[in-house]
PDB file of N, CA and C in Angstrom:
ATOM      1  N   MET A   1       8.013 -18.252  -2.384  1.00  0.00           N
ATOM      2  CA  MET A   1       6.886 -17.406  -2.781  1.00  0.00           C
ATOM      3  C   MET A   1       7.401 -16.135  -3.445  1.00  0.00           C
ATOM      4  N   VAL A   2       8.429 -15.522  -2.860  1.00  0.00           N
ATOM      5  CA  VAL A   2       9.000 -14.301  -3.435  1.00  0.00           C
ATOM      6  C   VAL A   2       9.677 -14.625  -4.755  1.00  0.00           C
ATOM      7  N   GLU A   3      10.370 -15.767  -4.827  1.00  0.00           N
ATOM      8  CA  GLU A   3      11.056 -16.152  -6.057  1.00  0.00           C
ATOM      9  C   GLU A   3      10.046 -16.277  -7.190  1.00  0.00           C
ATOM     10  N   ASN A   4       8.919 -16.907  -6.906  1.00  0.00           N
ATOM     11  CA  ASN A   4       7.888 -17.084  -7.925  1.00  0.00           C
ATOM     12  C   ASN A   4       7.389 -15.733  -8.408  1.00  0.00           C
ATOM     13  N   TRP A   5       7.192 -14.811  -7.497  1.00  0.00           N
ATOM     14  CA  TRP A   5       6.660 -13.495  -7.851  1.00  0.00           C
ATOM     15  C   TRP A   5       7.641 -12.744  -8.737  1.00  0.00           C
ATOM     16  N   THR A   6       8.918 -12.774  -8.382  1.00  0.00           N
ATOM     17  CA  THR A   6       9.917 -12.061  -9.177  1.00  0.00           C
ATOM     18  C   THR A   6      10.184 -12.797 -10.483  1.00  0.00           C
ATOM     19  N   GLY A   7       9.836 -14.076 -10.547  1.00  0.00           N
ATOM     20  CA  GLY A   7      10.099 -14.858 -11.739  1.00  0.00           C
ATOM     21  C   GLY A   7       9.020 -14.733 -12.804  1.00  0.00           C
ATOM     22  N   THR A   8       7.976 -13.963 -12.526  1.00  0.00           N
ATOM     23  CA  THR A   8       6.870 -13.837 -13.482  1.00  0.00           C
ATOM     24  C   THR A   8       7.109 -12.684 -14.444  1.00  0.00           C
ATOM     25  N   GLY A   9       8.358 -12.521 -14.922  1.00  0.00           N
ATOM     26  CA  GLY A   9       8.661 -11.496 -15.903  1.00  0.00           C
ATOM     27  C   GLY A   9       8.813 -10.112 -15.302  1.00  0.00           C
ATOM     28  N   ALA A  10       8.982 -10.025 -13.996  1.00  0.00           N
ATOM     29  CA  ALA A  10       9.169  -8.719 -13.362  1.00  0.00           C
ATOM     30  C   ALA A  10      10.563  -8.192 -13.691  1.00  0.00           C
ATOM     31  N   SER A  11      10.677  -6.886 -13.806  1.00  0.00           N
ATOM     32  CA  SER A  11      11.976  -6.292 -14.136  1.00  0.00           C
ATOM     33  C   SER A  11      12.919  -6.407 -12.947  1.00  0.00           C
ATOM     34  N   SER A  12      14.218  -6.184 -13.189  1.00  0.00           N
ATOM     35  CA  SER A  12      15.212  -6.257 -12.125  1.00  0.00           C
ATOM     36  C   SER A  12      14.921  -5.201 -11.056  1.00  0.00           C
ATOM     37  N   GLU A  13      14.317  -4.095 -11.459  1.00  0.00           N
ATOM     38  CA  GLU A  13      13.959  -3.051 -10.497  1.00  0.00           C
ATOM     39  C   GLU A  13      12.978  -3.591  -9.472  1.00  0.00           C
ATOM     40  N   CYS A  14      11.976  -4.314  -9.962  1.00  0.00           N
ATOM     41  CA  CYS A  14      10.977  -4.882  -9.063  1.00  0.00           C
ATOM     42  C   CYS A  14      11.625  -5.899  -8.122  1.00  0.00           C
ATOM     43  N   ALA A  15      12.503  -6.724  -8.673  1.00  0.00           N
ATOM     44  CA  ALA A  15      13.166  -7.747  -7.873  1.00  0.00           C
ATOM     45  C   ALA A  15      13.963  -7.101  -6.739  1.00  0.00           C
ATOM     46  N   GLU A  16      14.646  -6.003  -7.056  1.00  0.00           N
ATOM     47  CA  GLU A  16      15.424  -5.321  -6.028  1.00  0.00           C
ATOM     48  C   GLU A  16      14.504  -4.693  -4.991  1.00  0.00           C
ATOM     49  N   GLY A  17      13.367  -4.167  -5.449  1.00  0.00           N
ATOM     50  CA  GLY A  17      12.411  -3.535  -4.547  1.00  0.00           C
ATOM     51  C   GLY A  17      11.868  -4.513  -3.516  1.00  0.00           C
ATOM     52  N   VAL A  18      11.688  -5.778  -3.950  1.00  0.00           N
ATOM     53  CA  VAL A  18      11.158  -6.793  -3.047  1.00  0.00           C
ATOM     54  C   VAL A  18      12.114  -7.018  -1.879  1.00  0.00           C
ATOM     55  N   HIS A  19      13.399  -6.907  -2.145  1.00  0.00           N
ATOM     56  CA  HIS A  19      14.377  -7.133  -1.081  1.00  0.00           C
ATOM     57  C   HIS A  19      14.529  -5.906  -0.193  1.00  0.00           C
ATOM     58  N   GLY A  20      13.963  -4.795  -0.616  1.00  0.00           N
ATOM     59  CA  GLY A  20      14.065  -3.573   0.177  1.00  0.00           C
ATOM     60  C   GLY A  20      12.823  -3.324   1.006  1.00  0.00           C
ATOM     61  N   GLU A  21      12.232  -2.150   0.859  1.00  0.00           N
ATOM     62  CA  GLU A  21      11.098  -1.757   1.677  1.00  0.00           C
ATOM     63  C   GLU A  21       9.881  -2.648   1.439  1.00  0.00           C
ATOM     64  N   GLU A  22       9.624  -2.982   0.169  1.00  0.00           N
ATOM     65  CA  GLU A  22       8.455  -3.803  -0.139  1.00  0.00           C
ATOM     66  C   GLU A  22       8.533  -5.158   0.554  1.00  0.00           C
ATOM     67  N   TYR A  23       9.719  -5.758   0.553  1.00  0.00           N
ATOM     68  CA  TYR A  23       9.868  -7.051   1.215  1.00  0.00           C
ATOM     69  C   TYR A  23       9.622  -6.897   2.708  1.00  0.00           C
ATOM     70  N   PHE A  24      10.060  -5.788   3.289  1.00  0.00           N
ATOM     71  CA  PHE A  24       9.863  -5.524   4.719  1.00  0.00           C
ATOM     72  C   PHE A  24       8.374  -5.509   5.039  1.00  0.00           C
ATOM     73  N   TRP A  25       7.610  -4.792   4.254  1.00  0.00           N
ATOM     74  CA  TRP A  25       6.155  -4.715   4.494  1.00  0.00           C
ATOM     75  C   TRP A  25       5.492  -6.046   4.197  1.00  0.00           C
ATOM     76  N   TRP A  26       5.968  -6.732   3.147  1.00  0.00           N
ATOM     77  CA  TRP A  26       5.413  -8.040   2.810  1.00  0.00           C
ATOM     78  C   TRP A  26       5.598  -9.002   3.982  1.00  0.00           C
ATOM     79  N   ALA A  27       6.771  -8.949   4.604  1.00  0.00           N
ATOM     80  CA  ALA A  27       7.055  -9.825   5.738  1.00  0.00           C
ATOM     81  C   ALA A  27       6.132  -9.505   6.914  1.00  0.00           C
ATOM     82  N   ILE A  28       5.892  -8.211   7.148  1.00  0.00           N
ATOM     83  CA  ILE A  28       5.008  -7.798   8.244  1.00  0.00           C
ATOM     84  C   ILE A  28       3.598  -8.337   8.001  1.00  0.00           C
ATOM     85  N   VAL A  29       3.138  -8.239   6.752  1.00  0.00           N
ATOM     86  CA  VAL A  29       1.798  -8.740   6.421  1.00  0.00           C
ATOM     87  C   VAL A  29       1.724 -10.240   6.654  1.00  0.00           C
ATOM     88  N   GLN A  30       2.750 -10.980   6.264  1.00  0.00           N
ATOM     89  CA  GLN A  30       2.769 -12.431   6.463  1.00  0.00           C
ATOM     90  C   GLN A  30       2.689 -12.778   7.944  1.00  0.00           C
ATOM     91  N   VAL A  31       3.458 -12.067   8.758  1.00  0.00           N
ATOM     92  CA  VAL A  31       3.452 -12.307  10.201  1.00  0.00           C
ATOM     93  C   VAL A  31       2.079 -11.980  10.783  1.00  0.00           C
ATOM     94  N   TYR A  32       1.506 -10.856  10.328  1.00  0.00           N
ATOM     95  CA  TYR A  32       0.185 -10.446  10.825  1.00  0.00           C
ATOM     96  C   TYR A  32      -0.860 -11.505  10.491  1.00  0.00           C
ATOM     97  N   LEU A  33      -0.843 -12.008   9.248  1.00  0.00           N
ATOM     98  CA  LEU A  33      -1.815 -13.023   8.845  1.00  0.00           C
ATOM     99  C   LEU A  33      -1.634 -14.297   9.654  1.00  0.00           C
ATOM    100  N   GLN A  34      -0.389 -14.643   9.944  1.00  0.00           N
ATOM    101  CA  GLN A  34      -0.090 -15.840  10.726  1.00  0.00           C
ATOM    102  C   GLN A  34      -0.654 -15.696  12.139  1.00  0.00           C
ATOM    103  N   ILE A  35      -0.451 -14.523  12.740  1.00  0.00           N
ATOM    104  CA  ILE A  35      -0.951 -14.259  14.094  1.00  0.00           C
ATOM    105  C   ILE A  35      -2.473 -14.287  14.095  1.00  0.00           C
ATOM    106  N   GLU A  36      -3.081 -13.635  13.084  1.00  0.00           N
ATOM    107  CA  GLU A  36      -4.539 -13.583  12.994  1.00  0.00           C
ATOM    108  C   GLU A  36      -5.107 -14.991  12.903  1.00  0.00           C
ATOM    109  N   TRP A  37      -4.446 -15.845  12.104  1.00  0.00           N
ATOM    110  CA  TRP A  37      -4.895 -17.219  11.923  1.00  0.00           C
ATOM    111  C   TRP A  37      -4.818 -17.987  13.251  1.00  0.00           C
ATOM    112  N   CYS A  38      -3.731 -17.788  13.982  1.00  0.00           N
ATOM    113  CA  CYS A  38      -3.551 -18.455  15.276  1.00  0.00           C
ATOM    114  C   CYS A  38      -4.619 -17.994  16.264  1.00  0.00           C
ATOM    115  N   VAL A  39      -4.881 -16.691  16.293  1.00  0.00           N
ATOM    116  CA  VAL A  39      -5.886 -16.137  17.213  1.00  0.00           C
ATOM    117  C   VAL A  39      -7.265 -16.727  16.913  1.00  0.00           C
ATOM    118  N   LYS A  40      -7.602 -16.840  15.640  1.00  0.00           N
ATOM    119  CA  LYS A  40      -8.899 -17.410  15.265  1.00  0.00           C
ATOM    120  C   LYS A  40      -8.996 -18.857  15.712  1.00  0.00           C
ATOM    121  N   ASN A  41      -7.920 -19.627  15.522  1.00  0.00           N
ATOM    122  CA  ASN A  41      -7.924 -21.037  15.917  1.00  0.00           C
ATOM    123  C   ASN A  41      -8.095 -21.166  17.424  1.00  0.00           C
ATOM    124  N   VAL A  42      -7.385 -20.334  18.187  1.00  0.00           N
ATOM    125  CA  VAL A  42      -7.479 -20.377  19.649  1.00  0.00           C
ATOM    126  C   VAL A  42      -8.887 -19.992  20.085  1.00  0.00           C
ATOM    127  N   ALA A  43      -9.435 -18.948  19.473  1.00  0.00           N
ATOM    128  CA  ALA A  43     -10.784 -18.491  19.825  1.00  0.00           C
ATOM    129  C   ALA A  43     -11.813 -19.580  19.552  1.00  0.00           C
ATOM    130  N   MET A  44     -11.638 -20.304  18.435  1.00  0.00           N
ATOM    131  CA  MET A  44     -12.580 -21.370  18.098  1.00  0.00           C
ATOM    132  C   MET A  44     -12.456 -22.544  19.059  1.00  0.00           C
ATOM    133  N   SER A  45     -11.242 -22.870  19.466  1.00  0.00           N
ATOM    134  CA  SER A  45     -11.041 -24.005  20.362  1.00  0.00           C
ATOM    135  C   SER A  45     -11.549 -23.686  21.768  1.00  0.00           C
ATOM    136  N   ILE A  46     -11.527 -22.415  22.152  1.00  0.00           N
ATOM    137  CA  ILE A  46     -12.005 -22.016  23.485  1.00  0.00           C
ATOM    138  C   ILE A  46     -13.535 -22.048  23.524  1.00  0.00           C
ATOM    139  N   SER A  47     -14.176 -21.532  22.503  1.00  0.00           N
ATOM    140  CA  SER A  47     -15.642 -21.432  22.495  1.00  0.00           C
ATOM    141  C   SER A  47     -16.326 -22.785  22.320  1.00  0.00           C
TER     142      SER A  47
END
C-alpha cells in the first residue's frame, strides 16, 4: 500500500517522509481502524 502511494509520482522527499513520522502515524491509523473493525464485529455478534 505504501509502495503504491510513493509510486504515484511522489518526490523522493515524500517517500522519505513516509518512512519517518508520517509512516508512524499512518501505522497508528491502520491499527486503530483494525481494532475499530474488530470491536464492531464483536458487538454485532453479541447483540
